[in-house]
Amino acid sequence: MSRLVYSTDQGRLCPECQQSTCQCKSLKQTPGDGNVRIRFETKGRKGKGATIISGIPLDASALKKLHKELKQKTSTGGTIKDGIMELQGDQRERVLALLSNRGYASIKLAGG
């Protein structure tokens, strides 16, 4: 039994799906590690702060819905960048309460 590992036509192949651009990992992988981290940052924002929420294990559309709900409940603006939600201002306590009400168990306030 021989298995093709490298082809000059395609380059390296994924050991699971045998494709040059892996399809199996993108289908299985969910963003976030399950440990929701909420932190407050002012770095790179000219002194204005933002609440950063990371580690939520949801796909892009569900994350967008959750972000919209958080923005409405906290009456702030925000954005999603690379699966990390940002809300304007210091909203750590509100977000902590809202996410714990939604059933997230491991929520951590990170940073100072």
PDB file of N, CA and C in Angstrom:
ATOM      1  N   MET A   1       0.844  -1.168   0.000  1.00  0.00           N
ATOM      2  CA  MET A   1       0.000   0.000   0.000  1.00  0.00           C
ATOM      3  C   MET A   1       0.891   1.233   0.000  1.00  0.00           C
ATOM      4  N   SER A   2       0.801   2.023  -1.050  1.00  0.00           N
ATOM      5  CA  SER A   2       1.585   3.252  -1.113  1.00  0.00           C
ATOM      6  C   SER A   2       0.642   4.446  -1.025  1.00  0.00           C
ATOM      7  N   ARG A   3       1.143   5.440  -0.351  1.00  0.00           N
ATOM      8  CA  ARG A   3       0.338   6.641  -0.156  1.00  0.00           C
ATOM      9  C   ARG A   3       1.150   7.817  -0.668  1.00  0.00           C
ATOM     10  N   LEU A   4       0.568   8.628  -1.532  1.00  0.00           N
ATOM     11  CA  LEU A   4       1.235   9.779  -2.093  1.00  0.00           C
ATOM     12  C   LEU A   4       1.398  10.854  -1.026  1.00  0.00           C
ATOM     13  N   VAL A   5       2.639  11.293  -0.789  1.00  0.00           N
ATOM     14  CA  VAL A   5       2.923  12.298   0.224  1.00  0.00           C
ATOM     15  C   VAL A   5       3.234  13.642  -0.404  1.00  0.00           C
ATOM     16  N   TYR A   6       3.910  13.636  -1.553  1.00  0.00           N
ATOM     17  CA  TYR A   6       4.280  14.876  -2.209  1.00  0.00           C
ATOM     18  C   TYR A   6       4.125  14.696  -3.707  1.00  0.00           C
ATOM     19  N   SER A   7       3.608  15.707  -4.356  1.00  0.00           N
ATOM     20  CA  SER A   7       3.468  15.678  -5.797  1.00  0.00           C
ATOM     21  C   SER A   7       4.036  16.970  -6.355  1.00  0.00           C
ATOM     22  N   THR A   8       4.771  16.885  -7.457  1.00  0.00           N
ATOM     23  CA  THR A   8       5.331  18.093  -8.047  1.00  0.00           C
ATOM     24  C   THR A   8       4.233  18.965  -8.654  1.00  0.00           C
ATOM     25  N   ASP A   9       3.085  18.390  -8.928  1.00  0.00           N
ATOM     26  CA  ASP A   9       1.966  19.162  -9.465  1.00  0.00           C
ATOM     27  C   ASP A   9       1.309  20.018  -8.386  1.00  0.00           C
ATOM     28  N   GLN A  10       1.136  19.449  -7.172  1.00  0.00           N
ATOM     29  CA  GLN A  10       0.371  20.114  -6.132  1.00  0.00           C
ATOM     30  C   GLN A  10       1.194  20.556  -4.937  1.00  0.00           C
ATOM     31  N   GLY A  11       2.316  19.950  -4.654  1.00  0.00           N
ATOM     32  CA  GLY A  11       3.085  20.240  -3.448  1.00  0.00           C
ATOM     33  C   GLY A  11       2.713  19.254  -2.348  1.00  0.00           C
ATOM     34  N   ARG A  12       2.853  19.670  -1.100  1.00  0.00           N
ATOM     35  CA  ARG A  12       2.509  18.788   0.021  1.00  0.00           C
ATOM     36  C   ARG A  12       1.014  18.519   0.069  1.00  0.00           C
ATOM     37  N   LEU A  13       0.664  17.309   0.508  1.00  0.00           N
ATOM     38  CA  LEU A  13      -0.721  16.906   0.605  1.00  0.00           C
ATOM     39  C   LEU A  13      -1.099  16.673   2.057  1.00  0.00           C
ATOM     40  N   CYS A  14      -2.329  16.955   2.383  1.00  0.00           N
ATOM     41  CA  CYS A  14      -2.856  16.701   3.725  1.00  0.00           C
ATOM     42  C   CYS A  14      -2.941  15.193   3.930  1.00  0.00           C
ATOM     43  N   PRO A  15      -2.458  14.678   5.071  1.00  0.00           N
ATOM     44  CA  PRO A  15      -2.508  13.228   5.283  1.00  0.00           C
ATOM     45  C   PRO A  15      -3.927  12.683   5.429  1.00  0.00           C
ATOM     46  N   GLU A  16      -4.878  13.521   5.820  1.00  0.00           N
ATOM     47  CA  GLU A  16      -6.237  13.032   6.027  1.00  0.00           C
ATOM     48  C   GLU A  16      -7.090  13.109   4.765  1.00  0.00           C
ATOM     49  N   CYS A  17      -7.116  14.274   4.118  1.00  0.00           N
ATOM     50  CA  CYS A  17      -8.018  14.434   2.969  1.00  0.00           C
ATOM     51  C   CYS A  17      -7.299  14.311   1.621  1.00  0.00           C
ATOM     52  N   GLN A  18      -5.978  14.193   1.632  1.00  0.00           N
ATOM     53  CA  GLN A  18      -5.174  14.028   0.422  1.00  0.00           C
ATOM     54  C   GLN A  18      -5.332  15.178  -0.570  1.00  0.00           C
ATOM     55  N   GLN A  19      -5.531  16.394  -0.066  1.00  0.00           N
ATOM     56  CA  GLN A  19      -5.651  17.584  -0.904  1.00  0.00           C
ATOM     57  C   GLN A  19      -4.483  18.518  -0.619  1.00  0.00           C
ATOM     58  N   SER A  20      -4.106  19.325  -1.596  1.00  0.00           N
ATOM     59  CA  SER A  20      -3.006  20.270  -1.373  1.00  0.00           C
ATOM     60  C   SER A  20      -3.440  21.405  -0.450  1.00  0.00           C
ATOM     61  N   THR A  21      -4.669  21.849  -0.573  1.00  0.00           N
ATOM     62  CA  THR A  21      -5.225  22.806   0.382  1.00  0.00           C
ATOM     63  C   THR A  21      -6.203  22.030   1.245  1.00  0.00           C
ATOM     64  N   CYS A  22      -5.879  21.871   2.499  1.00  0.00           N
ATOM     65  CA  CYS A  22      -6.621  20.990   3.405  1.00  0.00           C
ATOM     66  C   CYS A  22      -8.064  21.444   3.564  1.00  0.00           C
ATOM     67  N   GLN A  23      -8.983  20.519   3.339  1.00  0.00           N
ATOM     68  CA  GLN A  23     -10.401  20.785   3.503  1.00  0.00           C
ATOM     69  C   GLN A  23     -10.927  20.238   4.832  1.00  0.00           C
ATOM     70  N   CYS A  24     -10.287  19.204   5.349  1.00  0.00           N
ATOM     71  CA  CYS A  24     -10.826  18.537   6.533  1.00  0.00           C
ATOM     72  C   CYS A  24     -10.666  19.362   7.798  1.00  0.00           C
ATOM     73  N   LYS A  25      -9.552  20.059   7.977  1.00  0.00           N
ATOM     74  CA  LYS A  25      -9.332  20.830   9.197  1.00  0.00           C
ATOM     75  C   LYS A  25     -10.258  22.033   9.276  1.00  0.00           C
ATOM     76  N   SER A  26     -10.528  22.668   8.151  1.00  0.00           N
ATOM     77  CA  SER A  26     -11.404  23.832   8.181  1.00  0.00           C
ATOM     78  C   SER A  26     -12.844  23.441   8.485  1.00  0.00           C
ATOM     79  N   LEU A  27     -13.241  22.214   8.144  1.00  0.00           N
ATOM     80  CA  LEU A  27     -14.595  21.771   8.436  1.00  0.00           C
ATOM     81  C   LEU A  27     -14.748  21.349   9.890  1.00  0.00           C
ATOM     82  N   LYS A  28     -13.726  20.731  10.477  1.00  0.00           N
ATOM     83  CA  LYS A  28     -13.797  20.233  11.843  1.00  0.00           C
ATOM     84  C   LYS A  28     -13.567  21.321  12.879  1.00  0.00           C
ATOM     85  N   GLN A  29     -12.704  22.245  12.575  1.00  0.00           N
ATOM     86  CA  GLN A  29     -12.241  23.211  13.563  1.00  0.00           C
ATOM     87  C   GLN A  29     -13.285  24.286  13.836  1.00  0.00           C
ATOM     88  N   THR A  30     -13.556  24.494  15.112  1.00  0.00           N
ATOM     89  CA  THR A  30     -14.396  25.614  15.511  1.00  0.00           C
ATOM     90  C   THR A  30     -13.503  26.643  16.166  1.00  0.00           C
ATOM     91  N   PRO A  31     -13.737  27.917  15.907  1.00  0.00           N
ATOM     92  CA  PRO A  31     -12.874  28.927  16.494  1.00  0.00           C
ATOM     93  C   PRO A  31     -13.065  29.014  18.000  1.00  0.00           C
ATOM     94  N   GLY A  32     -12.018  29.397  18.687  1.00  0.00           N
ATOM     95  CA  GLY A  32     -12.085  29.544  20.136  1.00  0.00           C
ATOM     96  C   GLY A  32     -11.723  28.255  20.839  1.00  0.00           C
ATOM     97  N   ASP A  33     -11.281  28.357  22.062  1.00  0.00           N
ATOM     98  CA  ASP A  33     -10.868  27.184  22.823  1.00  0.00           C
ATOM     99  C   ASP A  33     -11.875  26.823  23.904  1.00  0.00           C
ATOM    100  N   GLY A  34     -12.986  27.527  23.984  1.00  0.00           N
ATOM    101  CA  GLY A  34     -13.992  27.234  24.987  1.00  0.00           C
ATOM    102  C   GLY A  34     -13.831  28.037  26.259  1.00  0.00           C
ATOM    103  N   ASN A  35     -12.633  28.570  26.506  1.00  0.00           N
ATOM    104  CA  ASN A  35     -12.404  29.448  27.644  1.00  0.00           C
ATOM    105  C   ASN A  35     -12.623  30.876  27.178  1.00  0.00           C
ATOM    106  N   VAL A  36     -13.729  31.445  27.576  1.00  0.00           N
ATOM    107  CA  VAL A  36     -14.067  32.797  27.150  1.00  0.00           C
ATOM    108  C   VAL A  36     -13.271  33.777  28.003  1.00  0.00           C
ATOM    109  N   ARG A  37     -12.534  34.670  27.352  1.00  0.00           N
ATOM    110  CA  ARG A  37     -11.727  35.662  28.051  1.00  0.00           C
ATOM    111  C   ARG A  37     -12.240  37.055  27.719  1.00  0.00           C
ATOM    112  N   ILE A  38     -12.439  37.839  28.767  1.00  0.00           N
ATOM    113  CA  ILE A  38     -12.912  39.208  28.606  1.00  0.00           C
ATOM    114  C   ILE A  38     -11.838  40.120  29.178  1.00  0.00           C
ATOM    115  N   ARG A  39     -11.323  41.036  28.362  1.00  0.00           N
ATOM    116  CA  ARG A  39     -10.288  41.955  28.843  1.00  0.00           C
ATOM    117  C   ARG A  39     -10.550  43.353  28.323  1.00  0.00           C
ATOM    118  N   PHE A  40      -9.907  44.317  28.950  1.00  0.00           N
ATOM    119  CA  PHE A  40     -10.050  45.718  28.573  1.00  0.00           C
ATOM    120  C   PHE A  40      -8.713  46.202  28.034  1.00  0.00           C
ATOM    121  N   GLU A  41      -8.719  46.803  26.849  1.00  0.00           N
ATOM    122  CA  GLU A  41      -7.487  47.290  26.218  1.00  0.00           C
ATOM    123  C   GLU A  41      -7.628  48.752  25.824  1.00  0.00           C
ATOM    124  N   THR A  42      -6.530  49.492  25.945  1.00  0.00           N
ATOM    125  CA  THR A  42      -6.474  50.857  25.428  1.00  0.00           C
ATOM    126  C   THR A  42      -5.364  50.987  24.401  1.00  0.00           C
ATOM    127  N   LYS A  43      -4.576  49.962  24.241  1.00  0.00           N
ATOM    128  CA  LYS A  43      -3.409  49.997  23.361  1.00  0.00           C
ATOM    129  C   LYS A  43      -3.816  50.193  21.895  1.00  0.00           C
ATOM    130  N   GLY A  44      -3.217  51.169  21.245  1.00  0.00           N
ATOM    131  CA  GLY A  44      -3.464  51.418  19.832  1.00  0.00           C
ATOM    132  C   GLY A  44      -4.788  52.098  19.538  1.00  0.00           C
ATOM    133  N   ARG A  45      -5.424  52.653  20.551  1.00  0.00           N
ATOM    134  CA  ARG A  45      -6.726  53.290  20.353  1.00  0.00           C
ATOM    135  C   ARG A  45      -6.724  54.745  20.799  1.00  0.00           C
ATOM    136  N   LYS A  46      -5.571  55.346  20.868  1.00  0.00           N
ATOM    137  CA  LYS A  46      -5.407  56.748  21.260  1.00  0.00           C
ATOM    138  C   LYS A  46      -6.039  57.034  22.624  1.00  0.00           C
ATOM    139  N   GLY A  47      -5.861  56.111  23.562  1.00  0.00           N
ATOM    140  CA  GLY A  47      -6.348  56.299  24.920  1.00  0.00           C
ATOM    141  C   GLY A  47      -7.765  55.843  25.165  1.00  0.00           C
ATOM    142  N   LYS A  48      -8.497  55.572  24.110  1.00  0.00           N
ATOM    143  CA  LYS A  48      -9.875  55.109  24.278  1.00  0.00           C
ATOM    144  C   LYS A  48      -9.852  53.601  24.456  1.00  0.00           C
ATOM    145  N   GLY A  49     -10.666  53.098  25.355  1.00  0.00           N
ATOM    146  CA  GLY A  49     -10.644  51.682  25.685  1.00  0.00           C
ATOM    147  C   GLY A  49     -11.659  50.864  24.921  1.00  0.00           C
ATOM    148  N   ALA A  50     -11.399  49.571  24.869  1.00  0.00           N
ATOM    149  CA  ALA A  50     -12.321  48.632  24.243  1.00  0.00           C
ATOM    150  C   ALA A  50     -12.314  47.336  25.040  1.00  0.00           C
ATOM    151  N   THR A  51     -13.464  46.726  25.149  1.00  0.00           N
ATOM    152  CA  THR A  51     -13.594  45.425  25.788  1.00  0.00           C
ATOM    153  C   THR A  51     -13.404  44.373  24.716  1.00  0.00           C
ATOM    154  N   ILE A  52     -12.459  43.447  24.940  1.00  0.00           N
ATOM    155  CA  ILE A  52     -12.121  42.409  23.983  1.00  0.00           C
ATOM    156  C   ILE A  52     -12.645  41.075  24.517  1.00  0.00           C
ATOM    157  N   ILE A  53     -13.420  40.361  23.708  1.00  0.00           N
ATOM    158  CA  ILE A  53     -13.992  39.077  24.092  1.00  0.00           C
ATOM    159  C   ILE A  53     -13.461  38.028  23.122  1.00  0.00           C
ATOM    160  N   SER A  54     -12.728  37.049  23.637  1.00  0.00           N
ATOM    161  CA  SER A  54     -12.139  36.025  22.776  1.00  0.00           C
ATOM    162  C   SER A  54     -12.416  34.638  23.331  1.00  0.00           C
ATOM    163  N   GLY A  55     -12.249  33.638  22.482  1.00  0.00           N
ATOM    164  CA  GLY A  55     -12.378  32.247  22.898  1.00  0.00           C
ATOM    165  C   GLY A  55     -13.781  31.689  22.848  1.00  0.00           C
ATOM    166  N   ILE A  56     -14.719  32.364  22.221  1.00  0.00           N
ATOM    167  CA  ILE A  56     -16.084  31.848  22.147  1.00  0.00           C
ATOM    168  C   ILE A  56     -16.156  30.824  21.007  1.00  0.00           C
ATOM    169  N   PRO A  57     -16.537  29.584  21.325  1.00  0.00           N
ATOM    170  CA  PRO A  57     -16.530  28.521  20.302  1.00  0.00           C
ATOM    171  C   PRO A  57     -17.791  28.528  19.433  1.00  0.00           C
ATOM    172  N   LEU A  58     -17.916  29.532  18.577  1.00  0.00           N
ATOM    173  CA  LEU A  58     -19.052  29.636  17.661  1.00  0.00           C
ATOM    174  C   LEU A  58     -18.545  29.865  16.247  1.00  0.00           C
ATOM    175  N   ASP A  59     -19.358  29.486  15.268  1.00  0.00           N
ATOM    176  CA  ASP A  59     -18.993  29.783  13.885  1.00  0.00           C
ATOM    177  C   ASP A  59     -19.267  31.257  13.599  1.00  0.00           C
ATOM    178  N   ALA A  60     -18.919  31.710  12.417  1.00  0.00           N
ATOM    179  CA  ALA A  60     -18.956  33.137  12.108  1.00  0.00           C
ATOM    180  C   ALA A  60     -20.356  33.738  12.198  1.00  0.00           C
ATOM    181  N   SER A  61     -21.361  33.036  11.704  1.00  0.00           N
ATOM    182  CA  SER A  61     -22.715  33.609  11.723  1.00  0.00           C
ATOM    183  C   SER A  61     -23.280  33.675  13.146  1.00  0.00           C
ATOM    184  N   ALA A  62     -23.046  32.644  13.958  1.00  0.00           N
ATOM    185  CA  ALA A  62     -23.523  32.655  15.341  1.00  0.00           C
ATOM    186  C   ALA A  62     -22.772  33.697  16.165  1.00  0.00           C
ATOM    187  N   LEU A  63     -21.486  33.861  15.865  1.00  0.00           N
ATOM    188  CA  LEU A  63     -20.691  34.873  16.566  1.00  0.00           C
ATOM    189  C   LEU A  63     -21.201  36.269  16.233  1.00  0.00           C
ATOM    190  N   LYS A  64     -21.598  36.469  14.985  1.00  0.00           N
ATOM    191  CA  LYS A  64     -22.128  37.764  14.560  1.00  0.00           C
ATOM    192  C   LYS A  64     -23.452  38.076  15.268  1.00  0.00           C
ATOM    193  N   LYS A  65     -24.309  37.054  15.420  1.00  0.00           N
ATOM    194  CA  LYS A  65     -25.576  37.243  16.130  1.00  0.00           C
ATOM    195  C   LYS A  65     -25.341  37.587  17.597  1.00  0.00           C
ATOM    196  N   LEU A  66     -24.423  36.855  18.231  1.00  0.00           N
ATOM    197  CA  LEU A  66     -24.111  37.117  19.636  1.00  0.00           C
ATOM    198  C   LEU A  66     -23.533  38.517  19.807  1.00  0.00           C
ATOM    199  N   HIS A  67     -22.664  38.927  18.891  1.00  0.00           N
ATOM    200  CA  HIS A  67     -22.050  40.248  18.953  1.00  0.00           C
ATOM    201  C   HIS A  67     -23.112  41.337  18.820  1.00  0.00           C
ATOM    202  N   LYS A  68     -24.054  41.134  17.921  1.00  0.00           N
ATOM    203  CA  LYS A  68     -25.131  42.107  17.748  1.00  0.00           C
ATOM    204  C   LYS A  68     -25.955  42.224  19.030  1.00  0.00           C
ATOM    205  N   GLU A  69     -26.242  41.096  19.661  1.00  0.00           N
ATOM    206  CA  GLU A  69     -27.000  41.120  20.914  1.00  0.00           C
ATOM    207  C   GLU A  69     -26.227  41.831  22.015  1.00  0.00           C
ATOM    208  N   LEU A  70     -24.926  41.556  22.120  1.00  0.00           N
ATOM    209  CA  LEU A  70     -24.112  42.216  23.147  1.00  0.00           C
ATOM    210  C   LEU A  70     -24.051  43.718  22.922  1.00  0.00           C
ATOM    211  N   LYS A  71     -23.939  44.145  21.671  1.00  0.00           N
ATOM    212  CA  LYS A  71     -23.915  45.575  21.373  1.00  0.00           C
ATOM    213  C   LYS A  71     -25.232  46.235  21.754  1.00  0.00           C
ATOM    214  N   GLN A  72     -26.349  45.546  21.503  1.00  0.00           N
ATOM    215  CA  GLN A  72     -27.650  46.112  21.854  1.00  0.00           C
ATOM    216  C   GLN A  72     -27.839  46.189  23.360  1.00  0.00           C
ATOM    217  N   LYS A  73     -27.436  45.136  24.075  1.00  0.00           N
ATOM    218  CA  LYS A  73     -27.631  45.103  25.528  1.00  0.00           C
ATOM    219  C   LYS A  73     -26.739  46.103  26.261  1.00  0.00           C
ATOM    220  N   THR A  74     -25.541  46.366  25.698  1.00  0.00           N
ATOM    221  CA  THR A  74     -24.629  47.303  26.345  1.00  0.00           C
ATOM    222  C   THR A  74     -24.729  48.704  25.768  1.00  0.00           C
ATOM    223  N   SER A  75     -25.530  48.889  24.733  1.00  0.00           N
ATOM    224  CA  SER A  75     -25.723  50.190  24.076  1.00  0.00           C
ATOM    225  C   SER A  75     -24.410  50.807  23.599  1.00  0.00           C
ATOM    226  N   THR A  76     -23.576  49.977  22.972  1.00  0.00           N
ATOM    227  CA  THR A  76     -22.292  50.455  22.448  1.00  0.00           C
ATOM    228  C   THR A  76     -22.102  49.954  21.025  1.00  0.00           C
ATOM    229  N   GLY A  77     -21.046  50.422  20.421  1.00  0.00           N
ATOM    230  CA  GLY A  77     -20.652  49.945  19.108  1.00  0.00           C
ATOM    231  C   GLY A  77     -19.555  48.918  19.259  1.00  0.00           C
ATOM    232  N   GLY A  78     -19.153  48.344  18.157  1.00  0.00           N
ATOM    233  CA  GLY A  78     -18.077  47.375  18.207  1.00  0.00           C
ATOM    234  C   GLY A  78     -17.876  46.710  16.873  1.00  0.00           C
ATOM    235  N   THR A  79     -16.948  45.741  16.856  1.00  0.00           N
ATOM    236  CA  THR A  79     -16.628  45.030  15.629  1.00  0.00           C
ATOM    237  C   THR A  79     -16.147  43.631  15.957  1.00  0.00           C
ATOM    238  N   ILE A  80     -16.041  42.804  14.917  1.00  0.00           N
ATOM    239  CA  ILE A  80     -15.464  41.471  15.050  1.00  0.00           C
ATOM    240  C   ILE A  80     -14.250  41.429  14.140  1.00  0.00           C
ATOM    241  N   LYS A  81     -13.095  41.081  14.696  1.00  0.00           N
ATOM    242  CA  LYS A  81     -11.866  40.952  13.920  1.00  0.00           C
ATOM    243  C   LYS A  81     -11.250  39.596  14.198  1.00  0.00           C
ATOM    244  N   ASP A  82     -11.145  38.753  13.182  1.00  0.00           N
ATOM    245  CA  ASP A  82     -10.528  37.426  13.289  1.00  0.00           C
ATOM    246  C   ASP A  82     -11.143  36.579  14.398  1.00  0.00           C
ATOM    247  N   GLY A  83     -12.442  36.610  14.542  1.00  0.00           N
ATOM    248  CA  GLY A  83     -13.125  35.808  15.542  1.00  0.00           C
ATOM    249  C   GLY A  83     -13.062  36.364  16.949  1.00  0.00           C
ATOM    250  N   ILE A  84     -12.558  37.582  17.093  1.00  0.00           N
ATOM    251  CA  ILE A  84     -12.466  38.240  18.396  1.00  0.00           C
ATOM    252  C   ILE A  84     -13.411  39.438  18.376  1.00  0.00           C
ATOM    253  N   MET A  85     -14.301  39.485  19.361  1.00  0.00           N
ATOM    254  CA  MET A  85     -15.275  40.572  19.423  1.00  0.00           C
ATOM    255  C   MET A  85     -14.704  41.750  20.192  1.00  0.00           C
ATOM    256  N   GLU A  86     -14.990  42.942  19.719  1.00  0.00           N
ATOM    257  CA  GLU A  86     -14.594  44.169  20.395  1.00  0.00           C
ATOM    258  C   GLU A  86     -15.839  45.008  20.645  1.00  0.00           C
ATOM    259  N   LEU A  87     -15.938  45.545  21.857  1.00  0.00           N
ATOM    260  CA  LEU A  87     -17.007  46.475  22.210  1.00  0.00           C
ATOM    261  C   LEU A  87     -16.372  47.760  22.708  1.00  0.00           C
ATOM    262  N   GLN A  88     -16.969  48.884  22.395  1.00  0.00           N
ATOM    263  CA  GLN A  88     -16.413  50.161  22.824  1.00  0.00           C
ATOM    264  C   GLN A  88     -16.613  50.350  24.323  1.00  0.00           C
ATOM    265  N   GLY A  89     -15.595  50.875  24.983  1.00  0.00           N
ATOM    266  CA  GLY A  89     -15.690  51.197  26.405  1.00  0.00           C
ATOM    267  C   GLY A  89     -15.427  49.996  27.304  1.00  0.00           C
ATOM    268  N   ASP A  90     -15.508  50.244  28.611  1.00  0.00           N
ATOM    269  CA  ASP A  90     -15.274  49.200  29.607  1.00  0.00           C
ATOM    270  C   ASP A  90     -16.599  48.522  29.927  1.00  0.00           C
ATOM    271  N   GLN A  91     -16.857  47.392  29.288  1.00  0.00           N
ATOM    272  CA  GLN A  91     -18.117  46.666  29.429  1.00  0.00           C
ATOM    273  C   GLN A  91     -17.902  45.288  30.065  1.00  0.00           C
ATOM    274  N   ARG A  92     -16.794  45.088  30.765  1.00  0.00           N
ATOM    275  CA  ARG A  92     -16.444  43.758  31.259  1.00  0.00           C
ATOM    276  C   ARG A  92     -17.513  43.147  32.154  1.00  0.00           C
ATOM    277  N   GLU A  93     -18.004  43.885  33.123  1.00  0.00           N
ATOM    278  CA  GLU A  93     -18.978  43.332  34.072  1.00  0.00           C
ATOM    279  C   GLU A  93     -20.308  43.010  33.385  1.00  0.00           C
ATOM    280  N   ARG A  94     -20.765  43.888  32.506  1.00  0.00           N
ATOM    281  CA  ARG A  94     -22.010  43.633  31.781  1.00  0.00           C
ATOM    282  C   ARG A  94     -21.890  42.402  30.896  1.00  0.00           C
ATOM    283  N   VAL A  95     -20.779  42.311  30.164  1.00  0.00           N
ATOM    284  CA  VAL A  95     -20.571  41.182  29.257  1.00  0.00           C
ATOM    285  C   VAL A  95     -20.456  39.886  30.052  1.00  0.00           C
ATOM    286  N   LEU A  96     -19.771  39.931  31.181  1.00  0.00           N
ATOM    287  CA  LEU A  96     -19.651  38.757  32.041  1.00  0.00           C
ATOM    288  C   LEU A  96     -21.031  38.264  32.471  1.00  0.00           C
ATOM    289  N   ALA A  97     -21.893  39.175  32.899  1.00  0.00           N
ATOM    290  CA  ALA A  97     -23.248  38.801  33.321  1.00  0.00           C
ATOM    291  C   ALA A  97     -24.070  38.267  32.153  1.00  0.00           C
ATOM    292  N   LEU A  98     -23.976  38.907  30.997  1.00  0.00           N
ATOM    293  CA  LEU A  98     -24.762  38.483  29.844  1.00  0.00           C
ATOM    294  C   LEU A  98     -24.331  37.107  29.336  1.00  0.00           C
ATOM    295  N   LEU A  99     -23.015  36.866  29.290  1.00  0.00           N
ATOM    296  CA  LEU A  99     -22.535  35.574  28.808  1.00  0.00           C
ATOM    297  C   LEU A  99     -22.812  34.460  29.806  1.00  0.00           C
ATOM    298  N   SER A 100     -22.733  34.749  31.100  1.00  0.00           N
ATOM    299  CA  SER A 100     -23.030  33.709  32.085  1.00  0.00           C
ATOM    300  C   SER A 100     -24.515  33.364  32.063  1.00  0.00           C
ATOM    301  N   ASN A 101     -25.384  34.336  31.761  1.00  0.00           N
ATOM    302  CA  ASN A 101     -26.810  34.053  31.616  1.00  0.00           C
ATOM    303  C   ASN A 101     -27.101  33.196  30.392  1.00  0.00           C
ATOM    304  N   ARG A 102     -26.251  33.298  29.375  1.00  0.00           N
ATOM    305  CA  ARG A 102     -26.419  32.485  28.172  1.00  0.00           C
ATOM    306  C   ARG A 102     -25.902  31.065  28.342  1.00  0.00           C
ATOM    307  N   GLY A 103     -25.238  30.771  29.472  1.00  0.00           N
ATOM    308  CA  GLY A 103     -24.818  29.407  29.752  1.00  0.00           C
ATOM    309  C   GLY A 103     -23.346  29.107  29.548  1.00  0.00           C
ATOM    310  N   TYR A 104     -22.531  30.108  29.285  1.00  0.00           N
ATOM    311  CA  TYR A 104     -21.094  29.859  29.157  1.00  0.00           C
ATOM    312  C   TYR A 104     -20.516  29.644  30.549  1.00  0.00           C
ATOM    313  N   ALA A 105     -19.832  28.523  30.730  1.00  0.00           N
ATOM    314  CA  ALA A 105     -19.372  28.144  32.079  1.00  0.00           C
ATOM    315  C   ALA A 105     -18.025  28.736  32.420  1.00  0.00           C
ATOM    316  N   SER A 106     -17.065  28.636  31.520  1.00  0.00           N
ATOM    317  CA  SER A 106     -15.706  29.067  31.855  1.00  0.00           C
ATOM    318  C   SER A 106     -15.424  30.444  31.267  1.00  0.00           C
ATOM    319  N   ILE A 107     -15.837  31.473  31.994  1.00  0.00           N
ATOM    320  CA  ILE A 107     -15.599  32.851  31.588  1.00  0.00           C
ATOM    321  C   ILE A 107     -14.554  33.429  32.538  1.00  0.00           C
ATOM    322  N   LYS A 108     -13.520  34.031  31.959  1.00  0.00           N
ATOM    323  CA  LYS A 108     -12.450  34.579  32.772  1.00  0.00           C
ATOM    324  C   LYS A 108     -12.252  36.045  32.439  1.00  0.00           C
ATOM    325  N   LEU A 109     -12.127  36.869  33.484  1.00  0.00           N
ATOM    326  CA  LEU A 109     -11.735  38.255  33.285  1.00  0.00           C
ATOM    327  C   LEU A 109     -10.216  38.267  33.208  1.00  0.00           C
ATOM    328  N   ALA A 110      -9.681  38.612  32.044  1.00  0.00           N
ATOM    329  CA  ALA A 110      -8.236  38.602  31.840  1.00  0.00           C
ATOM    330  C   ALA A 110      -7.692  40.011  31.985  1.00  0.00           C
ATOM    331  N   GLY A 111      -6.441  40.118  32.323  1.00  0.00           N
ATOM    332  CA  GLY A 111      -5.798  41.413  32.448  1.00  0.00           C
ATOM    333  C   GLY A 111      -6.101  42.074  33.770  1.00  0.00           C
ATOM    334  N   GLY A 112      -5.728  43.351  33.885  1.00  0.00           N
ATOM    335  CA  GLY A 112      -5.869  44.086  35.131  1.00  0.00           C
ATOM    336  C   GLY A 112      -7.238  44.519  35.342  1.00  0.00           C
TER     337      GLY A 112
END
